[in-house]
C-alpha atoms as a PDB file:
ATOM      1  CA  MET A   1     108.105  88.762  64.223  1.00  0.00           C
ATOM      2  CA  GLU A   2     108.339  91.286  67.029  1.00  0.00           C
ATOM      3  CA  THR A   3     105.854  94.148  66.898  1.00  0.00           C
ATOM      4  CA  ALA A   4     106.065  97.586  68.442  1.00  0.00           C
ATOM      5  CA  ALA A   5     103.196  96.728  70.769  1.00  0.00           C
ATOM      6  CA  SER A   6     105.072  93.688  72.139  1.00  0.00           C
ATOM      7  CA  SER A   7     108.565  95.187  72.277  1.00  0.00           C
ATOM      8  CA  HIS A   8     110.329  96.510  75.354  1.00  0.00           C
ATOM      9  CA  VAL A   9     112.668  99.448  75.777  1.00  0.00           C
ATOM     10  CA  LEU A  10     115.428  99.734  78.362  1.00  0.00           C
ATOM     11  CA  VAL A  11     115.406 103.108  80.134  1.00  0.00           C
ATOM     12  CA  LEU A  12     118.620 104.710  81.396  1.00  0.00           C
ATOM     13  CA  ASN A  13     118.751 107.683  83.706  1.00  0.00           C
ATOM     14  CA  ARG A  14     120.867 110.753  82.938  1.00  0.00           C
ATOM     15  CA  LEU A  15     123.903 108.950  84.430  1.00  0.00           C
ATOM     16  CA  TRP A  16     123.437 106.059  81.953  1.00  0.00           C
ATOM     17  CA  GLN A  17     122.227 103.661  84.660  1.00  0.00           C
ATOM     18  CA  ALA A  18     119.460 101.150  83.873  1.00  0.00           C
ATOM     19  CA  VAL A  19     116.324 102.111  85.792  1.00  0.00           C
ATOM     20  CA  ASN A  20     113.286 100.610  84.040  1.00  0.00           C
ATOM     21  CA  ILE A  21     111.729  98.734  81.128  1.00  0.00           C
ATOM     22  CA  ILE A  22     108.777 100.307  79.331  1.00  0.00           C
ATOM     23  CA  GLY A  23     106.547  99.737  76.312  1.00  0.00           C
ATOM     24  CA  PHE A  24     106.281 101.611  73.029  1.00  0.00           C
ATOM     25  CA  GLU A  25     103.517 104.056  74.074  1.00  0.00           C
ATOM     26  CA  ARG A  26     105.451 105.342  77.083  1.00  0.00           C
ATOM     27  CA  THR A  27     108.650 105.432  75.013  1.00  0.00           C
ATOM     28  CA  PHE A  28     107.230 107.688  72.325  1.00  0.00           C
ATOM     29  CA  SER A  29     105.452 109.816  74.899  1.00  0.00           C
ATOM     30  CA  LEU A  30     108.832 110.570  76.516  1.00  0.00           C
ATOM     31  CA  LEU A  31     110.430 111.243  73.134  1.00  0.00           C
ATOM     32  CA  CYS A  32     107.588 113.512  71.957  1.00  0.00           C
ATOM     33  CA  GLN A  33     107.836 115.567  75.160  1.00  0.00           C
ATOM     34  CA  ASP A  34     111.614 115.867  74.672  1.00  0.00           C
ATOM     35  CA  ASN A  35     112.167 114.108  77.991  1.00  0.00           C
ATOM     36  CA  ALA A  36     114.379 111.412  76.475  1.00  0.00           C
ATOM     37  CA  GLN A  37     116.688 110.571  73.595  1.00  0.00           C
ATOM     38  CA  VAL A  38     117.188 107.366  71.657  1.00  0.00           C
ATOM     39  CA  ILE A  39     120.473 105.542  72.235  1.00  0.00           C
ATOM     40  CA  HIS A  40     121.564 103.657  69.127  1.00  0.00           C
ATOM     41  CA  PRO A  41     124.603 101.360  69.520  1.00  0.00           C
ATOM     42  CA  THR A  42     127.289 101.459  66.837  1.00  0.00           C
ATOM     43  CA  GLU A  43     130.364  99.261  66.426  1.00  0.00           C
ATOM     44  CA  GLU A  44     132.532 101.577  68.524  1.00  0.00           C
ATOM     45  CA  SER A  45     130.183 103.727  70.606  1.00  0.00           C
ATOM     46  CA  TYR A  46     126.614 105.048  70.867  1.00  0.00           C
ATOM     47  CA  GLN A  47     124.692 107.676  68.945  1.00  0.00           C
ATOM     48  CA  LEU A  48     122.041 109.891  70.525  1.00  0.00           C
ATOM     49  CA  PHE A  49     118.928 111.010  68.639  1.00  0.00           C
ATOM     50  CA  ASN A  50     116.024 113.237  69.519  1.00  0.00           C
ATOM     51  CA  LEU A  51     112.678 112.201  68.058  1.00  0.00           C
ATOM     52  CA  MET A  52     112.929 114.153  64.797  1.00  0.00           C
ATOM     53  CA  ASP A  53     116.483 112.956  64.178  1.00  0.00           C
ATOM     54  CA  TRP A  54     115.368 109.387  64.940  1.00  0.00           C
ATOM     55  CA  ILE A  55     112.562 109.704  62.391  1.00  0.00           C
ATOM     56  CA  ASP A  56     115.114 110.897  59.819  1.00  0.00           C
ATOM     57  CA  PHE A  57     117.448 108.031  60.747  1.00  0.00           C
ATOM     58  CA  SER A  58     114.605 105.535  60.339  1.00  0.00           C
ATOM     59  CA  ARG A  59     113.779 106.957  56.919  1.00  0.00           C
ATOM     60  CA  GLU A  60     117.400 106.787  55.788  1.00  0.00           C
ATOM     61  CA  ASN A  61     117.884 103.318  57.318  1.00  0.00           C
ATOM     62  CA  PRO A  62     114.552 101.551  56.814  1.00  0.00           C
ATOM     63  CA  PRO A  63     114.074  98.771  59.357  1.00  0.00           C
ATOM     64  CA  MET A  64     113.750  95.250  57.989  1.00  0.00           C
ATOM     65  CA  GLU A  65     110.372  93.583  58.302  1.00  0.00           C
ATOM     66  CA  GLU A  66     111.459  91.536  61.335  1.00  0.00           C
ATOM     67  CA  VAL A  67     112.500  94.714  63.191  1.00  0.00           C
ATOM     68  CA  ALA A  68     109.773  96.282  65.313  1.00  0.00           C
ATOM     69  CA  ALA A  69     108.586  99.630  63.998  1.00  0.00           C
ATOM     70  CA  VAL A  70     105.841 102.171  64.602  1.00  0.00           C
ATOM     71  CA  HIS A  71     103.783 103.066  61.549  1.00  0.00           C
ATOM     72  CA  THR A  72     102.432 106.567  60.996  1.00  0.00           C
ATOM     73  CA  VAL A  73     100.775 108.094  57.943  1.00  0.00           C
ATOM     74  CA  ASN A  74     104.111 109.250  56.533  1.00  0.00           C
ATOM     75  CA  HIS A  75     106.751 107.235  58.347  1.00  0.00           C
ATOM     76  CA  ARG A  76     107.869 103.800  59.501  1.00  0.00           C
ATOM     77  CA  ILE A  77     109.846 104.587  62.647  1.00  0.00           C
ATOM     78  CA  ARG A  78     112.273 102.116  64.152  1.00  0.00           C
ATOM     79  CA  MET A  79     111.350 100.989  67.654  1.00  0.00           C
ATOM     80  CA  PRO A  80     114.209 102.079  69.956  1.00  0.00           C
ATOM     81  CA  GLN A  81     115.881  99.458  72.104  1.00  0.00           C
ATOM     82  CA  ILE A  82     117.323 101.916  74.644  1.00  0.00           C
ATOM     83  CA  ILE A  83     116.420 105.465  75.624  1.00  0.00           C
ATOM     84  CA  LEU A  84     118.214 107.976  77.833  1.00  0.00           C
ATOM     85  CA  LEU A  85     116.254 110.260  80.165  1.00  0.00           C
ATOM     86  CA  ASN A  86     117.331 113.888  79.865  1.00  0.00           C
ATOM     87  CA  ALA A  87     116.826 114.976  83.470  1.00  0.00           C
ATOM     88  CA  PHE A  88     116.223 112.047  85.830  1.00  0.00           C
ATOM     89  CA  ASP A  89     119.507 111.124  87.559  1.00  0.00           C
ATOM     90  CA  LYS A  90     118.327 108.866  90.391  1.00  0.00           C
ATOM     91  CA  LEU A  91     117.755 105.149  90.815  1.00  0.00           C
ATOM     92  CA  PRO A  92     114.257 103.887  91.601  1.00  0.00           C
ATOM     93  CA  GLN A  93     113.296 103.690  95.238  1.00  0.00           C
ATOM     94  CA  LYS A  94     114.357 100.437  96.877  1.00  0.00           C
ATOM     95  CA  GLU A  95     110.864  99.892  98.260  1.00  0.00           C
ATOM     96  CA  VAL A  96     109.467  96.835  96.479  1.00  0.00           C
ATOM     97  CA  LYS A  97     105.724  96.766  95.943  1.00  0.00           C
ATOM     98  CA  PHE A  98     103.905  94.012  97.799  1.00  0.00           C
ATOM     99  CA  THR A  99     102.359  92.146  94.863  1.00  0.00           C
ATOM    100  CA  ARG A 100     101.716  88.517  94.024  1.00  0.00           C
ATOM    101  CA  ASN A 101     104.388  88.469  91.303  1.00  0.00           C
ATOM    102  CA  ASN A 102     106.979  90.110  93.565  1.00  0.00           C
ATOM    103  CA  VAL A 103     106.356  87.478  96.259  1.00  0.00           C
ATOM    104  CA  PHE A 104     106.906  84.798  93.610  1.00  0.00           C
ATOM    105  CA  GLU A 105     110.056  86.637  92.516  1.00  0.00           C
ATOM    106  CA  ARG A 106     111.359  86.829  96.088  1.00  0.00           C
ATOM    107  CA  ASP A 107     110.727  83.107  96.686  1.00  0.00           C
ATOM    108  CA  LYS A 108     112.048  82.150  93.210  1.00  0.00           C
ATOM    109  CA  ASP A 109     108.800  80.322  92.362  1.00  0.00           C
ATOM    110  CA  GLN A 110     109.665  77.757  95.030  1.00  0.00           C
ATOM    111  CA  CYS A 111     107.127  76.339  97.477  1.00  0.00           C
ATOM    112  CA  GLN A 112     108.420  77.378 100.887  1.00  0.00           C
ATOM    113  CA  TYR A 113     107.230  74.116 102.461  1.00  0.00           C
ATOM    114  CA  CYS A 114     108.218  71.293 100.105  1.00  0.00           C
ATOM    115  CA  GLY A 115     110.982  73.204  98.283  1.00  0.00           C
ATOM    116  CA  ARG A 116     109.861  72.314  94.761  1.00  0.00           C
ATOM    117  CA  VAL A 117     109.763  74.917  91.969  1.00  0.00           C
ATOM    118  CA  PHE A 118     106.451  75.345  90.135  1.00  0.00           C
ATOM    119  CA  PRO A 119     104.995  77.459  87.332  1.00  0.00           C
ATOM    120  CA  ARG A 120     103.323  80.494  88.863  1.00  0.00           C
ATOM    121  CA  THR A 121      99.927  79.216  87.738  1.00  0.00           C
ATOM    122  CA  GLU A 122     100.426  76.296  90.150  1.00  0.00           C
ATOM    123  CA  LEU A 123     101.419  78.400  93.162  1.00  0.00           C
ATOM    124  CA  ASN A 124      99.335  80.001  95.874  1.00  0.00           C
ATOM    125  CA  LEU A 125     100.150  82.582  98.518  1.00  0.00           C
ATOM    126  CA  ASP A 126      99.993  81.248 102.056  1.00  0.00           C
ATOM    127  CA  HIS A 127      99.634  83.079 105.362  1.00  0.00           C
ATOM    128  CA  VAL A 128     102.277  81.454 107.581  1.00  0.00           C
ATOM    129  CA  ILE A 129     100.305  82.592 110.622  1.00  0.00           C
ATOM    130  CA  PRO A 130      96.662  82.236 109.523  1.00  0.00           C
ATOM    131  CA  ARG A 131      94.467  85.305 109.627  1.00  0.00           C
ATOM    132  CA  ASP A 132      92.278  83.574 112.207  1.00  0.00           C
ATOM    133  CA  TYR A 133      95.363  83.595 114.477  1.00  0.00           C
ATOM    134  CA  GLY A 134      95.926  87.296 113.837  1.00  0.00           C
ATOM    135  CA  GLY A 135      98.358  86.811 110.958  1.00  0.00           C
ATOM    136  CA  LYS A 136      98.832  89.830 108.712  1.00  0.00           C
ATOM    137  CA  THR A 137      98.962  90.047 104.928  1.00  0.00           C
ATOM    138  CA  ASN A 138     102.485  91.400 104.525  1.00  0.00           C
ATOM    139  CA  TRP A 139     105.980  90.447 103.358  1.00  0.00           C
ATOM    140  CA  GLU A 140     106.848  88.841 106.702  1.00  0.00           C
ATOM    141  CA  ASN A 141     103.825  86.503 106.776  1.00  0.00           C
ATOM    142  CA  ILE A 142     103.184  85.563 103.133  1.00  0.00           C
ATOM    143  CA  VAL A 143     105.053  82.839 101.235  1.00  0.00           C
ATOM    144  CA  CYS A 144     104.762  80.877  98.007  1.00  0.00           C
ATOM    145  CA  SER A 145     103.036  77.554  98.494  1.00  0.00           C
ATOM    146  CA  CYS A 146     102.156  74.821  96.033  1.00  0.00           C
ATOM    147  CA  ILE A 147      98.531  73.732  95.990  1.00  0.00           C
ATOM    148  CA  PRO A 148      99.100  70.351  97.740  1.00  0.00           C
ATOM    149  CA  CYS A 149     101.065  71.983 100.573  1.00  0.00           C
ATOM    150  CA  ASN A 150      98.506  74.772 100.816  1.00  0.00           C
ATOM    151  CA  LEU A 151      95.693  72.227 101.191  1.00  0.00           C
ATOM    152  CA  ARG A 152      97.685  70.188 103.705  1.00  0.00           C
ATOM    153  CA  LYS A 153      98.474  73.180 105.915  1.00  0.00           C
ATOM    154  CA  ALA A 154      94.943  74.592 105.643  1.00  0.00           C
ATOM    155  CA  ASN A 155      94.072  77.086 108.381  1.00  0.00           C
ATOM    156  CA  ARG A 156      96.812  75.955 110.765  1.00  0.00           C
ATOM    157  CA  LEU A 157     100.260  76.998 111.919  1.00  0.00           C
ATOM    158  CA  PRO A 158     103.027  75.125 110.094  1.00  0.00           C
ATOM    159  CA  HIS A 159     103.998  73.005 113.109  1.00  0.00           C
ATOM    160  CA  GLU A 160     100.360  72.088 113.686  1.00  0.00           C
ATOM    161  CA  ALA A 161     100.330  70.587 110.181  1.00  0.00           C
ATOM    162  CA  GLY A 162     103.674  68.827 110.685  1.00  0.00           C
ATOM    163  CA  MET A 163     105.360  71.242 108.246  1.00  0.00           C
ATOM    164  CA  ARG A 164     108.208  73.708 108.466  1.00  0.00           C
ATOM    165  CA  LEU A 165     109.265  76.723 106.468  1.00  0.00           C
ATOM    166  CA  ARG A 166     112.434  76.529 104.405  1.00  0.00           C
ATOM    167  CA  LYS A 167     113.304  80.101 105.379  1.00  0.00           C
ATOM    168  CA  LYS A 168     111.749  82.974 107.265  1.00  0.00           C
ATOM    169  CA  PRO A 169     109.920  85.356 104.903  1.00  0.00           C
ATOM    170  CA  GLN A 170     111.346  88.865 104.783  1.00  0.00           C
ATOM    171  CA  ARG A 171     110.772  92.113 102.966  1.00  0.00           C
ATOM    172  CA  PRO A 172     113.091  92.106  99.912  1.00  0.00           C
ATOM    173  CA  ARG A 173     115.765  94.776  99.728  1.00  0.00           C
ATOM    174  CA  ARG A 174     116.803  94.609  96.090  1.00  0.00           C
ATOM    175  CA  ARG A 175     114.697  95.821  93.202  1.00  0.00           C
ATOM    176  CA  PRO A 176     113.109  92.892  91.296  1.00  0.00           C
ATOM    177  CA  PHE A 177     113.580  94.921  88.092  1.00  0.00           C
ATOM    178  CA  ILE A 178     117.296  94.147  88.069  1.00  0.00           C
ATOM    179  CA  SER A 179     116.911  90.394  88.533  1.00  0.00           C
ATOM    180  CA  PHE A 180     114.138  90.330  85.929  1.00  0.00           C
ATOM    181  CA  VAL A 181     116.118  92.013  83.176  1.00  0.00           C
ATOM    182  CA  LEU A 182     119.242  90.006  83.926  1.00  0.00           C
ATOM    183  CA  LYS A 183     117.245  86.829  83.299  1.00  0.00           C
ATOM    184  CA  ASN A 184     115.255  88.219  80.391  1.00  0.00           C
ATOM    185  CA  PRO A 185     117.386  90.620  78.308  1.00  0.00           C
ATOM    186  CA  ALA A 186     115.408  91.458  75.182  1.00  0.00           C
ATOM    187  CA  TYR A 187     118.383  92.597  73.062  1.00  0.00           C
ATOM    188  CA  PRO A 188     122.184  92.153  72.991  1.00  0.00           C
ATOM    189  CA  SER A 189     122.418  95.965  73.081  1.00  0.00           C
ATOM    190  CA  TRP A 190     121.160  95.875  76.692  1.00  0.00           C
ATOM    191  CA  LYS A 191     124.031  93.700  77.966  1.00  0.00           C
ATOM    192  CA  HIS A 192     126.553  96.447  78.775  1.00  0.00           C
ATOM    193  CA  PHE A 193     124.058  98.439  80.855  1.00  0.00           C
ATOM    194  CA  LEU A 194     122.669  95.370  82.624  1.00  0.00           C
ATOM    195  CA  ASP A 195     126.177  94.253  83.547  1.00  0.00           C
ATOM    196  CA  LEU A 196     126.755  97.660  85.156  1.00  0.00           C
ATOM    197  CA  ALA A 197     123.387  97.418  86.931  1.00  0.00           C
ATOM    198  CA  TYR A 198     124.291  93.978  88.289  1.00  0.00           C
ATOM    199  CA  TRP A 199     127.587  95.121  89.792  1.00  0.00           C
ATOM    200  CA  ASN A 200     125.986  98.196  91.359  1.00  0.00           C
ATOM    201  CA  VAL A 201     123.047  96.517  93.095  1.00  0.00           C
ATOM    202  CA  GLU A 202     123.305  97.028  96.845  1.00  0.00           C
ATOM    203  CA  LEU A 203     123.952  93.726  98.596  1.00  0.00           C
ATOM    204  CA  GLU A 204     121.689  92.514 101.381  1.00  0.00           C
ATOM    205  CA  GLN A 205     123.327  92.679 104.771  1.00  0.00           C
ATOM    206  CA  ASP A 206     123.088  89.925 107.353  1.00  0.00           C
END
């Protein structure tokens, strides 16, 4: 059974564009501050609720046990699946944070030397140009590497180890958020907004 603590909420900006996924604490913080409204899909359209109206709706339409809900002293409040920001009308900045998971996302969990796909627990990050050679820790010099390839390459340049990169590492242009939610939609109610997000992602230019 899904719980409120484990559930995710799709965030739309004021133009109804998907911009983020957040947890229940951030969701109810935005609702309590009147910075967002709940979007509830119906058969033909969508209904909008502020927090108090959503509490009333939850009371009149009690969620089943398998539906995530937040419990208070007096209420059992449905966990929203989608919220709409009241003021924010932009898309997130295209700058992608340089993190381990985002490198894995860029390289599609594929070792950039042998080409095999691994669970992330079996991948390392490799400096293509070793730090001893002046290599930097950045998008253009870090790639996913499986443990055997990482050990084989050691503190050498790829050609010195008889290895070659499958592709030159580059700074990603697209937001990993979009590719993540397209692969991992939590609810059918997200599909319409994720489809729009997919078709509006800026393509990488050669």
